Protein backbone atom coordinates (compact mmCIF):
# COMPACT_ATOMS: atom_id res chain seq x y z
CA UNK A 1 -13.11 6.38 16.22
CA UNK A 2 -9.99 8.22 14.91
CA UNK A 3 -6.90 5.94 14.22
CA UNK A 4 -3.28 7.30 14.43
CA UNK A 5 -1.52 6.15 11.27
CA UNK A 6 2.01 6.02 9.90
CA UNK A 7 1.91 8.19 6.75
CA UNK A 8 5.23 6.95 5.34
CA UNK A 9 4.02 5.66 2.07
CA UNK A 10 1.33 7.81 0.56
CA UNK A 11 0.33 5.14 -1.92
CA UNK A 12 -0.57 2.54 0.77
CA UNK A 13 -4.29 2.21 1.62
CA UNK A 14 -4.69 2.98 5.36
CA UNK A 15 -7.83 3.39 7.51
CA UNK A 16 -8.09 6.87 9.06
CA UNK A 17 -11.18 6.37 11.12
CA UNK A 18 -14.35 4.30 11.35
CA UNK A 19 -17.87 4.72 12.77
CA UNK A 20 -21.09 2.79 12.64
CA UNK A 21 -21.92 4.44 9.30
CA UNK A 22 -18.64 4.57 7.44
CA UNK A 23 -14.96 3.79 7.08
CA UNK A 24 -12.64 6.64 6.17
CA UNK A 25 -9.47 6.20 4.16
CA UNK A 26 -7.07 9.20 3.65
CA UNK A 27 -8.92 10.30 0.45
CA UNK A 28 -12.29 8.45 0.55
CA UNK A 29 -15.26 7.92 2.74
CA UNK A 30 -16.85 4.48 2.32
CA UNK A 31 -20.37 3.85 3.51
CA UNK A 32 -20.65 0.13 2.68
CA UNK A 33 -18.70 -3.02 3.27
CA UNK A 34 -15.36 -3.20 1.63
CA UNK A 35 -12.29 -5.40 1.13
CA UNK A 36 -8.97 -3.47 1.44
CA UNK A 37 -5.29 -4.34 1.05
CA UNK A 38 -2.33 -1.91 0.97
CA UNK A 39 -2.72 -1.57 -2.85
CA UNK A 40 -6.30 -2.61 -3.61
CA UNK A 41 -9.84 -1.66 -2.64
CA UNK A 42 -13.22 -3.21 -3.55
CA UNK A 43 -16.52 -1.96 -2.33
CA UNK A 44 -18.59 -4.53 -4.35
CA UNK A 45 -17.03 -7.85 -3.41
CA UNK A 46 -18.75 -8.51 -0.10
CA UNK A 47 -22.49 -8.98 0.90
CA UNK A 48 -23.90 -6.25 3.06
CA UNK A 49 -24.18 -8.54 6.21
CA UNK A 50 -21.49 -10.60 7.92
CA UNK A 51 -24.16 -13.39 8.48
CA UNK A 52 -24.29 -13.80 4.69
CA UNK A 53 -20.47 -14.16 4.30
CA UNK A 54 -19.59 -17.63 2.92
CA UNK A 55 -16.87 -19.74 1.47
CA UNK A 56 -17.22 -18.28 -1.96
CA UNK A 57 -16.66 -14.73 -0.62
CA UNK A 58 -13.58 -16.11 1.10
CA UNK A 59 -12.22 -17.61 -2.11
CA UNK A 60 -12.60 -14.32 -3.90
CA UNK A 61 -10.54 -12.72 -1.10
CA UNK A 62 -7.92 -15.39 -1.28
CA UNK A 63 -7.46 -14.69 -5.04
CA UNK A 64 -5.68 -11.49 -3.74
CA UNK A 65 -3.06 -13.68 -2.38
CA UNK A 66 -2.70 -12.35 1.14
CA UNK A 67 -0.72 -13.87 4.03
CA UNK A 68 -3.48 -12.94 6.44
CA UNK A 69 -7.08 -12.03 6.15
CA UNK A 70 -8.90 -10.05 8.95
CA UNK A 71 -12.80 -10.11 8.84
CA UNK A 72 -14.36 -7.24 10.75
CA UNK A 73 -17.71 -8.70 11.59
CA UNK A 74 -19.39 -5.46 12.76
CA UNK A 75 -19.87 -4.44 16.42
CA UNK A 76 -19.92 -8.15 17.65
CA UNK A 77 -17.09 -10.66 17.28
CA UNK A 78 -18.06 -14.13 16.13
CA UNK A 79 -16.18 -17.27 15.91
CA UNK A 80 -15.14 -18.06 12.28
CA UNK A 81 -16.86 -20.84 10.42
CA UNK A 82 -14.65 -23.91 10.77
CA UNK A 83 -14.87 -24.37 6.98
CA UNK A 84 -13.23 -21.03 6.46
CA UNK A 85 -10.39 -21.85 8.75
CA UNK A 86 -9.73 -25.13 7.19
CA UNK A 87 -9.77 -23.63 3.69
CA UNK A 88 -7.44 -20.73 4.57
CA UNK A 89 -5.02 -23.04 6.34
CA UNK A 90 -4.79 -25.26 3.26
CA UNK A 91 -3.75 -22.18 1.41
CA UNK A 92 -1.21 -21.20 4.32
CA UNK A 93 -3.22 -18.05 4.95
CA UNK A 94 -4.02 -16.83 8.48
CA UNK A 95 -7.67 -15.86 9.15
CA UNK A 96 -9.08 -13.97 12.05
CA UNK A 97 -12.60 -12.71 12.74
CA UNK A 98 -12.95 -9.77 15.12
CA UNK A 99 -15.06 -6.59 15.54
CA UNK A 100 -14.69 -4.12 12.68
CA UNK A 101 -12.91 -1.64 15.01
CA UNK A 102 -10.38 -4.24 15.98
CA UNK A 103 -9.89 -5.32 12.40
CA UNK A 104 -9.35 -1.61 11.33
CA UNK A 105 -6.66 -1.12 13.95
CA UNK A 106 -5.06 -4.47 13.16
CA UNK A 107 -5.02 -4.07 9.49
CA UNK A 108 -3.18 -0.70 9.84
CA UNK A 109 -0.62 -2.20 12.08
CA UNK A 110 0.02 -5.13 9.74
CA UNK A 111 0.32 -2.94 6.72
CA UNK A 112 2.70 -0.65 8.61
CA UNK A 113 4.88 -3.69 9.20
CA UNK A 114 4.93 -4.45 5.58
CA UNK A 115 2.67 -7.57 5.86
CA UNK A 116 0.43 -8.64 3.06
CA UNK A 117 -2.92 -8.20 4.82
CA UNK A 118 -6.44 -8.01 3.54
CA UNK A 119 -9.28 -6.75 5.63
CA UNK A 120 -12.99 -7.46 4.97
CA UNK A 121 -14.88 -4.92 6.83
CA UNK A 122 -18.58 -4.94 7.65
CA UNK A 123 -19.98 -1.72 9.06
CA UNK A 124 -20.80 -2.10 12.82
CA UNK A 125 -24.12 -0.34 12.45
C-alpha cells in the first residue's frame, strides 16, 4: 500500500509503501524485518518472526531512547506481552503492538509530528 508522506525534511526516515514482501523507504527497498527511527535504521536487530520477539529484543530497541515504540506484528495484531508493557512503562516509554500496515502509517504520523518514535516492523507475509 502506498503511503502519502510529508517530505519536509529529506534526512528523515519515512516509509513510502509496504507490502507482504517488503517495506519501501524513499531510497531503499527492505525485504526483511527492520527497526526504524527518524534518524536510524537497522535490518539485523530483530528476529524474522514476531512470535520470536522477546524482552531482550525490546531492551535493544529501548537503547535507542524512544518516547514510543510501535511493533508491527505482521498481518495480524496481537496483544503485547505484559512483561514488555511493564518494562517499557518503567522506562516511561509508550509501547503499542498493531498490524505492520498500521505501524507504518502511525510511525510516519508520529515522525511528522516531531515525536521520537521507533517502529519495529515484521513483514506481513
